[in-house]
């Protein structure tokens, strides 16, 4: 949600900057509006995709914390053998387990059926 607020504020700021410097004639105003529209569309698509990725990662974290086994590129990640490192969004193998020292990135994980 905060990404959308930042996007809106950036576009408003750009509008005020571009309309004063380049918006003298009608053609220039059209170019400025088209530029801002293209920029808004691109940033909106990027923000939407990042929101989807973030929601997916939060869902995977919740599943892990509930005790569900995740498949991360062939590595079975469970609470028994791994700890969630929230700062780096990764799983680190617990001491005295077969997975000790193994680091698995959360982005490579999927729910097991």
Protein backbone atom coordinates (compact mmCIF):
# COMPACT_ATOMS: atom_id res chain seq x y z
CA UNK A 1 0.00 0.00 0.00
CA UNK A 2 2.79 2.44 0.83
CA UNK A 3 4.26 1.85 -2.63
CA UNK A 4 1.13 3.31 -4.20
CA UNK A 5 1.33 6.40 -1.98
CA UNK A 6 4.97 6.98 -2.94
CA UNK A 7 4.08 6.49 -6.62
CA UNK A 8 1.34 9.11 -6.37
CA UNK A 9 3.59 11.61 -4.62
CA UNK A 10 6.37 11.14 -7.18
CA UNK A 11 3.94 11.72 -10.04
CA UNK A 12 2.53 14.87 -8.44
CA UNK A 13 6.05 16.20 -7.89
CA UNK A 14 7.04 15.41 -11.47
CA UNK A 15 3.88 17.10 -12.75
CA UNK A 16 4.73 20.35 -10.97
CA UNK A 17 8.35 20.22 -12.13
CA UNK A 18 7.60 19.37 -15.75
CA UNK A 19 4.65 21.71 -16.23
CA UNK A 20 6.73 24.72 -15.17
CA UNK A 21 9.82 23.88 -17.20
CA UNK A 22 8.43 22.24 -20.32
CA UNK A 23 4.73 23.02 -20.39
CA UNK A 24 4.73 26.33 -22.21
CA UNK A 25 2.97 25.40 -25.44
CA UNK A 26 0.13 22.97 -26.20
CA UNK A 27 2.42 20.39 -27.85
CA UNK A 28 4.80 20.49 -24.92
CA UNK A 29 1.93 19.98 -22.48
CA UNK A 30 0.76 16.95 -24.46
CA UNK A 31 4.29 15.52 -24.39
CA UNK A 32 4.51 16.08 -20.62
CA UNK A 33 1.13 14.42 -20.03
CA UNK A 34 2.07 11.45 -22.24
CA UNK A 35 5.42 11.11 -20.47
CA UNK A 36 3.79 11.17 -17.05
CA UNK A 37 1.12 8.73 -18.20
CA UNK A 38 3.74 6.30 -19.48
CA UNK A 39 5.78 6.69 -16.32
CA UNK A 40 2.71 6.16 -14.15
CA UNK A 41 1.75 3.05 -16.11
CA UNK A 42 5.23 1.56 -15.86
CA UNK A 43 5.58 2.31 -12.17
CA UNK A 44 2.06 1.05 -11.50
CA UNK A 45 2.80 -2.28 -13.17
CA UNK A 46 6.07 -2.61 -11.25
CA UNK A 47 4.38 -1.78 -7.93
CA UNK A 48 1.58 -4.26 -8.63
CA UNK A 49 4.07 -7.05 -9.39
CA UNK A 50 6.06 -6.28 -6.23
CA UNK A 51 2.85 -6.39 -4.17
CA UNK A 52 2.07 -9.85 -5.57
CA UNK A 53 5.58 -11.10 -4.77
CA UNK A 54 5.38 -9.69 -1.24
CA UNK A 55 2.01 -11.35 -0.62
CA UNK A 56 3.36 -14.68 -1.85
CA UNK A 57 6.40 -14.43 0.41
CA UNK A 58 4.28 -13.55 3.44
CA UNK A 59 2.05 -16.54 2.69
CA UNK A 60 5.10 -18.83 2.51
CA UNK A 61 6.40 -17.48 5.81
CA UNK A 62 3.03 -18.14 7.46
CA UNK A 63 2.91 -21.66 6.06
CA UNK A 64 6.41 -22.36 7.39
CA UNK A 65 5.51 -21.02 10.83
CA UNK A 66 2.38 -23.23 10.84
CA UNK A 67 4.57 -26.27 10.33
CA UNK A 68 3.98 -26.90 6.63
CA UNK A 69 6.94 -28.39 4.73
CA UNK A 70 8.08 -26.16 1.85
CA UNK A 71 9.87 -27.35 -1.29
CA UNK A 72 12.75 -25.01 -2.11
CA UNK A 73 14.48 -26.20 -5.30
CA UNK A 74 14.44 -29.79 -4.11
CA UNK A 75 15.28 -29.05 -0.47
CA UNK A 76 12.49 -29.92 1.97
CA UNK A 77 12.31 -27.02 4.44
CA UNK A 78 10.56 -27.65 7.75
CA UNK A 79 10.64 -26.15 11.22
CA UNK A 80 12.39 -29.29 12.43
CA UNK A 81 15.56 -28.60 10.43
CA UNK A 82 15.41 -24.86 9.58
CA UNK A 83 14.94 -21.47 11.19
CA UNK A 84 13.39 -18.49 9.39
CA UNK A 85 15.72 -15.51 9.13
CA UNK A 86 13.25 -12.69 8.56
CA UNK A 87 15.89 -10.02 7.90
CA UNK A 88 17.15 -11.79 4.78
CA UNK A 89 13.96 -13.75 3.97
CA UNK A 90 15.83 -17.04 4.02
CA UNK A 91 15.94 -20.30 5.94
CA UNK A 92 19.06 -21.37 7.83
CA UNK A 93 19.69 -24.97 8.82
CA UNK A 94 19.59 -25.52 12.59
CA UNK A 95 22.57 -26.83 14.51
CA UNK A 96 22.81 -30.58 15.13
CA UNK A 97 20.56 -31.42 12.17
CA UNK A 98 21.46 -32.84 8.76
CA UNK A 99 20.79 -29.39 7.28
CA UNK A 100 23.19 -27.51 9.57
CA UNK A 101 24.67 -24.51 7.78
CA UNK A 102 22.43 -24.83 4.70
CA UNK A 103 21.01 -21.48 3.56
CA UNK A 104 17.86 -21.49 1.42
CA UNK A 105 16.31 -18.38 -0.12
CA UNK A 106 12.57 -17.91 0.48
CA UNK A 107 12.02 -16.87 -3.15
CA UNK A 108 12.96 -20.37 -4.30
CA UNK A 109 10.23 -22.01 -2.18
CA UNK A 110 6.78 -23.39 -2.97
CA UNK A 111 4.15 -25.17 -0.90
CA UNK A 112 4.31 -28.94 -1.09
CA UNK A 113 1.03 -30.61 -2.10
